[in-house]
């Protein structure tokens, strides 16, 4: 084998290993993204829809206010969140345990986590164990350990604490601006 052909074989061998390394790295990134996904219920819980909620996000000394409309959409549930001026912030449809973007808004992972946590919080008590096997509820407090904690003042008025994130105050909208 000549020096030139041996050198080409060596380079292609090194190129294959580099390509394989990048493929493995890509697979690890995809797996970590899947592992970070918010849990969804085993079955879609029975919710009294449509719902209009005021959401107040509190973190450090900052507060943000949003309006969330949750409504049936065929076999799924549509989640539309906007600021108090009516500007869309996030829109998603949950169908068959899969989130899909609704409209042209960019992906919003924090909103998806919030929507999944709200679905957990709004799940009727008698459907909690079936839909979230690791969850517990005692009195006015509900938790999915290592993920979400909920403290209820009413079934649609509650405080939602994300394990790695802000606290949200959730109250129903009656048609008046909060």
C-alpha atoms as a PDB file:
ATOM      1  CA  UNK A   1       0.000   0.000   0.000  1.00  0.00           C
ATOM      2  CA  UNK A   2       1.447   3.340  -0.938  1.00  0.00           C
ATOM      3  CA  UNK A   3       1.897   6.151   1.552  1.00  0.00           C
ATOM      4  CA  UNK A   4      -0.829   8.197  -0.149  1.00  0.00           C
ATOM      5  CA  UNK A   5      -3.489   5.473  -0.020  1.00  0.00           C
ATOM      6  CA  UNK A   6      -2.562   4.553   3.587  1.00  0.00           C
ATOM      7  CA  UNK A   7      -2.887   8.219   4.582  1.00  0.00           C
ATOM      8  CA  UNK A   8      -6.350   8.444   2.913  1.00  0.00           C
ATOM      9  CA  UNK A   9      -7.555   5.305   4.715  1.00  0.00           C
ATOM     10  CA  UNK A  10      -6.323   6.723   8.030  1.00  0.00           C
ATOM     11  CA  UNK A  11      -8.098  10.042   7.400  1.00  0.00           C
ATOM     12  CA  UNK A  12     -11.386   8.354   6.464  1.00  0.00           C
ATOM     13  CA  UNK A  13     -11.109   6.178   9.586  1.00  0.00           C
ATOM     14  CA  UNK A  14     -10.593   9.279  11.722  1.00  0.00           C
ATOM     15  CA  UNK A  15     -13.475  10.999   9.908  1.00  0.00           C
ATOM     16  CA  UNK A  16     -15.768   8.049  10.676  1.00  0.00           C
ATOM     17  CA  UNK A  17     -14.882   8.203  14.355  1.00  0.00           C
ATOM     18  CA  UNK A  18     -15.508  11.957  14.432  1.00  0.00           C
ATOM     19  CA  UNK A  19     -18.852  11.491  12.711  1.00  0.00           C
ATOM     20  CA  UNK A  20     -19.775   8.704  15.136  1.00  0.00           C
ATOM     21  CA  UNK A  21     -18.828  10.917  18.085  1.00  0.00           C
ATOM     22  CA  UNK A  22     -21.076  13.732  16.804  1.00  0.00           C
ATOM     23  CA  UNK A  23     -23.942  11.301  16.247  1.00  0.00           C
ATOM     24  CA  UNK A  24     -23.614   9.971  19.800  1.00  0.00           C
ATOM     25  CA  UNK A  25     -23.488  13.496  21.183  1.00  0.00           C
ATOM     26  CA  UNK A  26     -26.626  14.370  19.210  1.00  0.00           C
ATOM     27  CA  UNK A  27     -28.415  11.306  20.610  1.00  0.00           C
ATOM     28  CA  UNK A  28     -27.457  12.295  24.159  1.00  0.00           C
ATOM     29  CA  UNK A  29     -28.802  15.808  23.621  1.00  0.00           C
ATOM     30  CA  UNK A  30     -32.097  14.408  22.306  1.00  0.00           C
ATOM     31  CA  UNK A  31     -32.382  11.992  25.226  1.00  0.00           C
ATOM     32  CA  UNK A  32     -31.736  14.756  27.754  1.00  0.00           C
ATOM     33  CA  UNK A  33     -34.421  16.890  26.103  1.00  0.00           C
ATOM     34  CA  UNK A  34     -36.893  14.013  26.431  1.00  0.00           C
ATOM     35  CA  UNK A  35     -35.955  13.453  30.068  1.00  0.00           C
ATOM     36  CA  UNK A  36     -36.604  17.129  30.863  1.00  0.00           C
ATOM     37  CA  UNK A  37     -40.139  17.042  29.484  1.00  0.00           C
ATOM     38  CA  UNK A  38     -42.928  17.857  31.891  1.00  0.00           C
ATOM     39  CA  UNK A  39     -45.011  14.825  32.892  1.00  0.00           C
ATOM     40  CA  UNK A  40     -48.446  14.495  31.339  1.00  0.00           C
ATOM     41  CA  UNK A  41     -51.444  12.547  32.653  1.00  0.00           C
ATOM     42  CA  UNK A  42     -52.018   8.929  31.659  1.00  0.00           C
ATOM     43  CA  UNK A  43     -55.451   9.970  30.315  1.00  0.00           C
ATOM     44  CA  UNK A  44     -56.886  13.390  29.602  1.00  0.00           C
ATOM     45  CA  UNK A  45     -58.679  14.407  32.814  1.00  0.00           C
ATOM     46  CA  UNK A  46     -62.288  15.606  32.777  1.00  0.00           C
ATOM     47  CA  UNK A  47     -62.120  19.373  32.977  1.00  0.00           C
ATOM     48  CA  UNK A  48     -64.997  21.841  32.856  1.00  0.00           C
ATOM     49  CA  UNK A  49     -63.942  23.808  29.796  1.00  0.00           C
ATOM     50  CA  UNK A  50     -63.605  26.516  28.690  1.00  0.00           C
ATOM     51  CA  UNK A  51     -61.643  28.080  31.532  1.00  0.00           C
ATOM     52  CA  UNK A  52     -60.298  31.616  31.733  1.00  0.00           C
ATOM     53  CA  UNK A  53     -57.584  32.136  34.314  1.00  0.00           C
ATOM     54  CA  UNK A  54     -55.499  35.040  35.545  1.00  0.00           C
ATOM     55  CA  UNK A  55     -51.895  33.979  36.072  1.00  0.00           C
ATOM     56  CA  UNK A  56     -49.473  35.984  38.163  1.00  0.00           C
ATOM     57  CA  UNK A  57     -45.852  34.859  37.858  1.00  0.00           C
ATOM     58  CA  UNK A  58     -43.653  35.803  40.821  1.00  0.00           C
ATOM     59  CA  UNK A  59     -39.912  35.365  40.924  1.00  0.00           C
ATOM     60  CA  UNK A  60     -37.516  37.401  43.036  1.00  0.00           C
ATOM     61  CA  UNK A  61     -39.060  40.897  43.055  1.00  0.00           C
ATOM     62  CA  UNK A  62     -40.576  40.620  39.584  1.00  0.00           C
ATOM     63  CA  UNK A  63     -44.232  40.015  38.754  1.00  0.00           C
ATOM     64  CA  UNK A  64     -45.823  39.275  35.405  1.00  0.00           C
ATOM     65  CA  UNK A  65     -49.524  38.940  34.640  1.00  0.00           C
ATOM     66  CA  UNK A  66     -51.109  36.815  31.929  1.00  0.00           C
ATOM     67  CA  UNK A  67     -54.530  35.610  30.876  1.00  0.00           C
ATOM     68  CA  UNK A  68     -54.886  31.946  29.965  1.00  0.00           C
ATOM     69  CA  UNK A  69     -57.796  30.466  28.040  1.00  0.00           C
ATOM     70  CA  UNK A  70     -58.129  26.667  28.122  1.00  0.00           C
ATOM     71  CA  UNK A  71     -60.682  25.142  25.774  1.00  0.00           C
ATOM     72  CA  UNK A  72     -61.584  21.899  24.041  1.00  0.00           C
ATOM     73  CA  UNK A  73     -60.215  21.477  20.536  1.00  0.00           C
ATOM     74  CA  UNK A  74     -61.543  18.284  18.966  1.00  0.00           C
ATOM     75  CA  UNK A  75     -59.932  15.458  20.933  1.00  0.00           C
ATOM     76  CA  UNK A  76     -57.387  17.830  22.458  1.00  0.00           C
ATOM     77  CA  UNK A  77     -57.075  20.849  24.711  1.00  0.00           C
ATOM     78  CA  UNK A  78     -56.014  24.277  23.423  1.00  0.00           C
ATOM     79  CA  UNK A  79     -53.969  26.525  25.719  1.00  0.00           C
ATOM     80  CA  UNK A  80     -53.777  30.217  24.729  1.00  0.00           C
ATOM     81  CA  UNK A  81     -51.823  32.590  26.977  1.00  0.00           C
ATOM     82  CA  UNK A  82     -51.632  36.332  26.400  1.00  0.00           C
ATOM     83  CA  UNK A  83     -50.452  39.366  28.297  1.00  0.00           C
ATOM     84  CA  UNK A  84     -52.951  41.870  29.688  1.00  0.00           C
ATOM     85  CA  UNK A  85     -52.860  43.838  26.426  1.00  0.00           C
ATOM     86  CA  UNK A  86     -54.002  40.733  24.530  1.00  0.00           C
ATOM     87  CA  UNK A  87     -50.639  40.015  22.899  1.00  0.00           C
ATOM     88  CA  UNK A  88     -50.177  36.234  22.516  1.00  0.00           C
ATOM     89  CA  UNK A  89     -47.355  34.783  24.625  1.00  0.00           C
ATOM     90  CA  UNK A  90     -47.830  31.049  24.052  1.00  0.00           C
ATOM     91  CA  UNK A  91     -50.307  28.795  22.279  1.00  0.00           C
ATOM     92  CA  UNK A  92     -50.243  25.015  22.422  1.00  0.00           C
ATOM     93  CA  UNK A  93     -52.597  22.133  21.755  1.00  0.00           C
ATOM     94  CA  UNK A  94     -52.325  18.958  23.814  1.00  0.00           C
ATOM     95  CA  UNK A  95     -53.511  15.898  21.895  1.00  0.00           C
ATOM     96  CA  UNK A  96     -52.690  12.255  22.707  1.00  0.00           C
ATOM     97  CA  UNK A  97     -50.053  13.192  25.308  1.00  0.00           C
ATOM     98  CA  UNK A  98     -48.240  15.381  22.770  1.00  0.00           C
ATOM     99  CA  UNK A  99     -47.832  19.153  22.709  1.00  0.00           C
ATOM    100  CA  UNK A 100     -48.108  20.853  19.327  1.00  0.00           C
ATOM    101  CA  UNK A 101     -47.514  24.509  18.525  1.00  0.00           C
ATOM    102  CA  UNK A 102     -50.667  26.410  17.639  1.00  0.00           C
ATOM    103  CA  UNK A 103     -49.880  29.345  15.402  1.00  0.00           C
ATOM    104  CA  UNK A 104     -46.601  31.006  14.583  1.00  0.00           C
ATOM    105  CA  UNK A 105     -45.297  31.778  18.065  1.00  0.00           C
ATOM    106  CA  UNK A 106     -41.780  30.513  18.827  1.00  0.00           C
ATOM    107  CA  UNK A 107     -41.414  27.516  21.184  1.00  0.00           C
ATOM    108  CA  UNK A 108     -41.838  28.463  24.840  1.00  0.00           C
ATOM    109  CA  UNK A 109     -40.593  25.699  27.149  1.00  0.00           C
ATOM    110  CA  UNK A 110     -41.537  27.625  30.312  1.00  0.00           C
ATOM    111  CA  UNK A 111     -45.128  27.970  29.078  1.00  0.00           C
ATOM    112  CA  UNK A 112     -45.290  24.236  28.278  1.00  0.00           C
ATOM    113  CA  UNK A 113     -44.087  23.434  31.790  1.00  0.00           C
ATOM    114  CA  UNK A 114     -46.674  25.839  33.211  1.00  0.00           C
ATOM    115  CA  UNK A 115     -49.476  24.306  31.094  1.00  0.00           C
ATOM    116  CA  UNK A 116     -48.499  20.788  32.179  1.00  0.00           C
ATOM    117  CA  UNK A 117     -48.382  21.908  35.831  1.00  0.00           C
ATOM    118  CA  UNK A 118     -51.792  23.574  35.481  1.00  0.00           C
ATOM    119  CA  UNK A 119     -53.230  20.392  33.988  1.00  0.00           C
ATOM    120  CA  UNK A 120     -51.900  18.557  37.050  1.00  0.00           C
ATOM    121  CA  UNK A 121     -53.402  21.168  39.388  1.00  0.00           C
ATOM    122  CA  UNK A 122     -56.780  21.177  37.602  1.00  0.00           C
ATOM    123  CA  UNK A 123     -57.091  17.380  37.460  1.00  0.00           C
ATOM    124  CA  UNK A 124     -60.073  16.377  39.627  1.00  0.00           C
ATOM    125  CA  UNK A 125     -59.059  14.755  42.897  1.00  0.00           C
ATOM    126  CA  UNK A 126     -60.763  11.438  42.049  1.00  0.00           C
ATOM    127  CA  UNK A 127     -58.677  11.207  38.828  1.00  0.00           C
ATOM    128  CA  UNK A 128     -55.326  12.147  40.384  1.00  0.00           C
ATOM    129  CA  UNK A 129     -54.010   8.671  41.267  1.00  0.00           C
ATOM    130  CA  UNK A 130     -54.910   7.240  37.848  1.00  0.00           C
ATOM    131  CA  UNK A 131     -53.339  10.089  35.887  1.00  0.00           C
ATOM    132  CA  UNK A 132     -50.308  10.864  38.067  1.00  0.00           C
ATOM    133  CA  UNK A 133     -49.287   7.676  39.925  1.00  0.00           C
ATOM    134  CA  UNK A 134     -46.494   9.404  41.885  1.00  0.00           C
ATOM    135  CA  UNK A 135     -48.663  12.301  43.075  1.00  0.00           C
ATOM    136  CA  UNK A 136     -50.303  12.813  46.465  1.00  0.00           C
ATOM    137  CA  UNK A 137     -52.927  15.133  47.878  1.00  0.00           C
ATOM    138  CA  UNK A 138     -53.672  15.916  51.499  1.00  0.00           C
ATOM    139  CA  UNK A 139     -56.349  18.484  52.240  1.00  0.00           C
ATOM    140  CA  UNK A 140     -55.662  21.668  50.288  1.00  0.00           C
ATOM    141  CA  UNK A 141     -52.170  20.638  49.201  1.00  0.00           C
ATOM    142  CA  UNK A 142     -51.153  18.491  46.222  1.00  0.00           C
ATOM    143  CA  UNK A 143     -47.712  17.517  45.002  1.00  0.00           C
ATOM    144  CA  UNK A 144     -45.912  15.676  42.266  1.00  0.00           C
ATOM    145  CA  UNK A 145     -42.629  15.214  44.143  1.00  0.00           C
ATOM    146  CA  UNK A 146     -39.559  16.842  42.636  1.00  0.00           C
ATOM    147  CA  UNK A 147     -41.725  18.739  40.128  1.00  0.00           C
ATOM    148  CA  UNK A 148     -44.770  20.731  41.321  1.00  0.00           C
ATOM    149  CA  UNK A 149     -46.491  21.766  44.550  1.00  0.00           C
ATOM    150  CA  UNK A 150     -50.023  23.179  44.668  1.00  0.00           C
ATOM    151  CA  UNK A 151     -51.804  24.928  47.558  1.00  0.00           C
ATOM    152  CA  UNK A 152     -55.516  25.428  46.954  1.00  0.00           C
ATOM    153  CA  UNK A 153     -57.816  28.111  48.291  1.00  0.00           C
ATOM    154  CA  UNK A 154     -60.495  26.866  45.828  1.00  0.00           C
ATOM    155  CA  UNK A 155     -60.487  24.325  42.973  1.00  0.00           C
ATOM    156  CA  UNK A 156     -59.571  27.039  40.445  1.00  0.00           C
ATOM    157  CA  UNK A 157     -57.740  29.411  42.843  1.00  0.00           C
ATOM    158  CA  UNK A 158     -54.365  28.179  43.943  1.00  0.00           C
ATOM    159  CA  UNK A 159     -50.653  28.791  44.273  1.00  0.00           C
ATOM    160  CA  UNK A 160     -48.441  26.697  42.031  1.00  0.00           C
ATOM    161  CA  UNK A 161     -44.763  26.246  42.866  1.00  0.00           C
ATOM    162  CA  UNK A 162     -42.490  24.837  40.179  1.00  0.00           C
ATOM    163  CA  UNK A 163     -39.584  22.865  41.618  1.00  0.00           C
ATOM    164  CA  UNK A 164     -37.039  24.701  39.497  1.00  0.00           C
ATOM    165  CA  UNK A 165     -38.688  28.009  38.864  1.00  0.00           C
ATOM    166  CA  UNK A 166     -41.133  30.694  39.847  1.00  0.00           C
ATOM    167  CA  UNK A 167     -44.330  30.679  41.896  1.00  0.00           C
ATOM    168  CA  UNK A 168     -47.650  31.271  40.138  1.00  0.00           C
ATOM    169  CA  UNK A 169     -50.888  32.597  41.640  1.00  0.00           C
ATOM    170  CA  UNK A 170     -53.836  31.261  39.661  1.00  0.00           C
ATOM    171  CA  UNK A 171     -57.331  32.757  39.912  1.00  0.00           C
ATOM    172  CA  UNK A 172     -60.394  32.429  37.688  1.00  0.00           C
ATOM    173  CA  UNK A 173     -61.377  35.364  35.507  1.00  0.00           C
ATOM    174  CA  UNK A 174     -64.914  36.618  35.831  1.00  0.00           C
ATOM    175  CA  UNK A 175     -64.702  38.915  32.817  1.00  0.00           C
ATOM    176  CA  UNK A 176     -63.222  41.840  34.752  1.00  0.00           C
ATOM    177  CA  UNK A 177     -59.568  42.769  34.356  1.00  0.00           C
ATOM    178  CA  UNK A 178     -57.567  41.585  37.369  1.00  0.00           C
END
